[in-house]
């Protein structure tokens, strides 16, 4: 599935099951909420934080998909073509950073 396909799929899902998009500010808040849930899993699975017995059994893949879904909603609402934006962003990074990381002694 391309990013364009994903944007179309999310838009179709919203129209069929979601009634309408939440406002952009509500979706931004939801993106922060989903990012927090992702951070919780990462801190416990890859960081030093230990899980509590009361922590819900969460899936890293599911939380990443939640973040992506809300991010796509925001792109759709604001008229951003994610495929084009991502391609342009990679081109920018390539021009700017094409040697930077190779020359970083910390890596």
C-alpha atoms as a PDB file:
ATOM      1  CA  UNK A   1       0.000   0.000   0.000  1.00  0.00           C
ATOM      2  CA  UNK A   2       1.395   3.398  -0.947  1.00  0.00           C
ATOM      3  CA  UNK A   3       0.988   6.481   1.208  1.00  0.00           C
ATOM      4  CA  UNK A   4      -1.559   7.759  -1.324  1.00  0.00           C
ATOM      5  CA  UNK A   5      -3.461   4.477  -1.005  1.00  0.00           C
ATOM      6  CA  UNK A   6      -3.355   4.797   2.785  1.00  0.00           C
ATOM      7  CA  UNK A   7      -4.725   8.341   2.623  1.00  0.00           C
ATOM      8  CA  UNK A   8      -7.577   7.192   0.376  1.00  0.00           C
ATOM      9  CA  UNK A   9      -8.295   4.174   2.578  1.00  0.00           C
ATOM     10  CA  UNK A  10      -8.452   6.283   5.750  1.00  0.00           C
ATOM     11  CA  UNK A  11     -10.676   8.849   4.028  1.00  0.00           C
ATOM     12  CA  UNK A  12     -13.037   6.097   2.885  1.00  0.00           C
ATOM     13  CA  UNK A  13     -13.075   4.578   6.384  1.00  0.00           C
ATOM     14  CA  UNK A  14     -13.906   7.946   7.956  1.00  0.00           C
ATOM     15  CA  UNK A  15     -16.788   8.461   5.514  1.00  0.00           C
ATOM     16  CA  UNK A  16     -18.148   4.948   6.046  1.00  0.00           C
ATOM     17  CA  UNK A  17     -17.607   4.397   9.777  1.00  0.00           C
ATOM     18  CA  UNK A  18     -16.419   7.625  11.357  1.00  0.00           C
ATOM     19  CA  UNK A  19     -19.212   9.935  10.142  1.00  0.00           C
ATOM     20  CA  UNK A  20     -16.742  12.816   9.784  1.00  0.00           C
ATOM     21  CA  UNK A  21     -13.212  13.814  10.748  1.00  0.00           C
ATOM     22  CA  UNK A  22     -12.697  15.184  14.225  1.00  0.00           C
ATOM     23  CA  UNK A  23     -11.433  18.765  14.192  1.00  0.00           C
ATOM     24  CA  UNK A  24      -7.757  19.276  13.421  1.00  0.00           C
ATOM     25  CA  UNK A  25      -7.061  20.290  17.025  1.00  0.00           C
ATOM     26  CA  UNK A  26      -8.878  17.234  18.373  1.00  0.00           C
ATOM     27  CA  UNK A  27      -6.870  15.014  16.025  1.00  0.00           C
ATOM     28  CA  UNK A  28      -3.666  16.715  17.138  1.00  0.00           C
ATOM     29  CA  UNK A  29      -4.589  15.893  20.748  1.00  0.00           C
ATOM     30  CA  UNK A  30      -5.365  12.306  19.706  1.00  0.00           C
ATOM     31  CA  UNK A  31      -1.986  12.097  17.956  1.00  0.00           C
ATOM     32  CA  UNK A  32      -0.287  13.160  21.194  1.00  0.00           C
ATOM     33  CA  UNK A  33      -2.332  10.585  23.126  1.00  0.00           C
ATOM     34  CA  UNK A  34      -1.418   7.787  20.725  1.00  0.00           C
ATOM     35  CA  UNK A  35       2.226   8.886  20.753  1.00  0.00           C
ATOM     36  CA  UNK A  36       2.155   8.669  24.549  1.00  0.00           C
ATOM     37  CA  UNK A  37       0.827   5.117  24.368  1.00  0.00           C
ATOM     38  CA  UNK A  38       3.615   4.259  21.937  1.00  0.00           C
ATOM     39  CA  UNK A  39       6.179   5.878  24.238  1.00  0.00           C
ATOM     40  CA  UNK A  40       4.891   3.812  27.168  1.00  0.00           C
ATOM     41  CA  UNK A  41       5.497   0.565  25.270  1.00  0.00           C
ATOM     42  CA  UNK A  42       8.931   1.695  24.065  1.00  0.00           C
ATOM     43  CA  UNK A  43      10.026   2.739  27.564  1.00  0.00           C
ATOM     44  CA  UNK A  44       9.043  -0.632  28.966  1.00  0.00           C
ATOM     45  CA  UNK A  45      10.211  -2.855  26.114  1.00  0.00           C
ATOM     46  CA  UNK A  46      13.430  -1.074  25.078  1.00  0.00           C
ATOM     47  CA  UNK A  47      14.133   1.322  27.926  1.00  0.00           C
ATOM     48  CA  UNK A  48      14.773   0.999  31.630  1.00  0.00           C
ATOM     49  CA  UNK A  49      11.140   1.370  32.715  1.00  0.00           C
ATOM     50  CA  UNK A  50       9.590  -1.837  34.039  1.00  0.00           C
ATOM     51  CA  UNK A  51       6.010  -2.779  33.249  1.00  0.00           C
ATOM     52  CA  UNK A  52       3.378  -2.689  35.963  1.00  0.00           C
ATOM     53  CA  UNK A  53       1.058  -5.615  36.525  1.00  0.00           C
ATOM     54  CA  UNK A  54      -1.792  -3.204  35.762  1.00  0.00           C
ATOM     55  CA  UNK A  55      -0.331  -2.154  32.375  1.00  0.00           C
ATOM     56  CA  UNK A  56      -2.584  -3.187  29.529  1.00  0.00           C
ATOM     57  CA  UNK A  57      -1.230  -5.800  27.139  1.00  0.00           C
ATOM     58  CA  UNK A  58      -0.386  -3.461  24.260  1.00  0.00           C
ATOM     59  CA  UNK A  59       1.037  -4.197  20.854  1.00  0.00           C
ATOM     60  CA  UNK A  60       3.855  -2.072  19.472  1.00  0.00           C
ATOM     61  CA  UNK A  61       2.565  -2.645  15.928  1.00  0.00           C
ATOM     62  CA  UNK A  62      -0.963  -1.623  16.910  1.00  0.00           C
ATOM     63  CA  UNK A  63       0.218   1.574  18.605  1.00  0.00           C
ATOM     64  CA  UNK A  64       2.392   2.492  15.599  1.00  0.00           C
ATOM     65  CA  UNK A  65      -0.656   1.930  13.373  1.00  0.00           C
ATOM     66  CA  UNK A  66      -2.772   4.166  15.653  1.00  0.00           C
ATOM     67  CA  UNK A  67      -0.192   6.959  15.323  1.00  0.00           C
ATOM     68  CA  UNK A  68      -0.106   6.514  11.550  1.00  0.00           C
ATOM     69  CA  UNK A  69      -3.908   6.533  11.279  1.00  0.00           C
ATOM     70  CA  UNK A  70      -4.284   9.834  13.131  1.00  0.00           C
ATOM     71  CA  UNK A  71      -1.334  11.340  11.245  1.00  0.00           C
ATOM     72  CA  UNK A  72      -3.032  10.388   7.971  1.00  0.00           C
ATOM     73  CA  UNK A  73      -6.273  11.943   9.209  1.00  0.00           C
ATOM     74  CA  UNK A  74      -4.427  15.213   9.851  1.00  0.00           C
ATOM     75  CA  UNK A  75      -2.813  15.103   6.410  1.00  0.00           C
ATOM     76  CA  UNK A  76      -6.177  14.483   4.751  1.00  0.00           C
ATOM     77  CA  UNK A  77      -7.826  17.318   6.666  1.00  0.00           C
ATOM     78  CA  UNK A  78      -5.131  19.827   5.844  1.00  0.00           C
ATOM     79  CA  UNK A  79      -4.660  18.869   2.196  1.00  0.00           C
ATOM     80  CA  UNK A  80      -1.180  17.385   2.573  1.00  0.00           C
ATOM     81  CA  UNK A  81      -0.196  14.746   0.021  1.00  0.00           C
ATOM     82  CA  UNK A  82       1.946  12.546   2.281  1.00  0.00           C
ATOM     83  CA  UNK A  83       3.569  10.659  -0.583  1.00  0.00           C
ATOM     84  CA  UNK A  84       4.752  13.900  -2.193  1.00  0.00           C
ATOM     85  CA  UNK A  85       5.727  15.434   1.157  1.00  0.00           C
ATOM     86  CA  UNK A  86       7.668  12.334   2.201  1.00  0.00           C
ATOM     87  CA  UNK A  87       9.513  12.151  -1.126  1.00  0.00           C
ATOM     88  CA  UNK A  88      10.449  15.834  -0.915  1.00  0.00           C
ATOM     89  CA  UNK A  89      11.508  15.416   2.717  1.00  0.00           C
ATOM     90  CA  UNK A  90      13.810  12.497   1.844  1.00  0.00           C
ATOM     91  CA  UNK A  91      15.348  14.540  -0.971  1.00  0.00           C
ATOM     92  CA  UNK A  92      15.965  17.401   1.469  1.00  0.00           C
ATOM     93  CA  UNK A  93      17.543  15.077   4.031  1.00  0.00           C
ATOM     94  CA  UNK A  94      19.689  13.423   1.360  1.00  0.00           C
ATOM     95  CA  UNK A  95      21.081  16.738   0.163  1.00  0.00           C
ATOM     96  CA  UNK A  96      21.614  18.066   3.670  1.00  0.00           C
ATOM     97  CA  UNK A  97      22.841  14.924   5.414  1.00  0.00           C
ATOM     98  CA  UNK A  98      24.436  12.816   2.689  1.00  0.00           C
ATOM     99  CA  UNK A  99      27.781  12.676   4.572  1.00  0.00           C
ATOM    100  CA  UNK A 100      26.869  14.048   7.982  1.00  0.00           C
ATOM    101  CA  UNK A 101      26.140  10.737   9.690  1.00  0.00           C
ATOM    102  CA  UNK A 102      29.108   8.945   8.097  1.00  0.00           C
ATOM    103  CA  UNK A 103      31.343  11.642   9.555  1.00  0.00           C
ATOM    104  CA  UNK A 104      29.822  11.435  13.041  1.00  0.00           C
ATOM    105  CA  UNK A 105      32.341   9.698  15.306  1.00  0.00           C
ATOM    106  CA  UNK A 106      29.566   8.809  17.760  1.00  0.00           C
ATOM    107  CA  UNK A 107      27.857   6.495  15.299  1.00  0.00           C
END
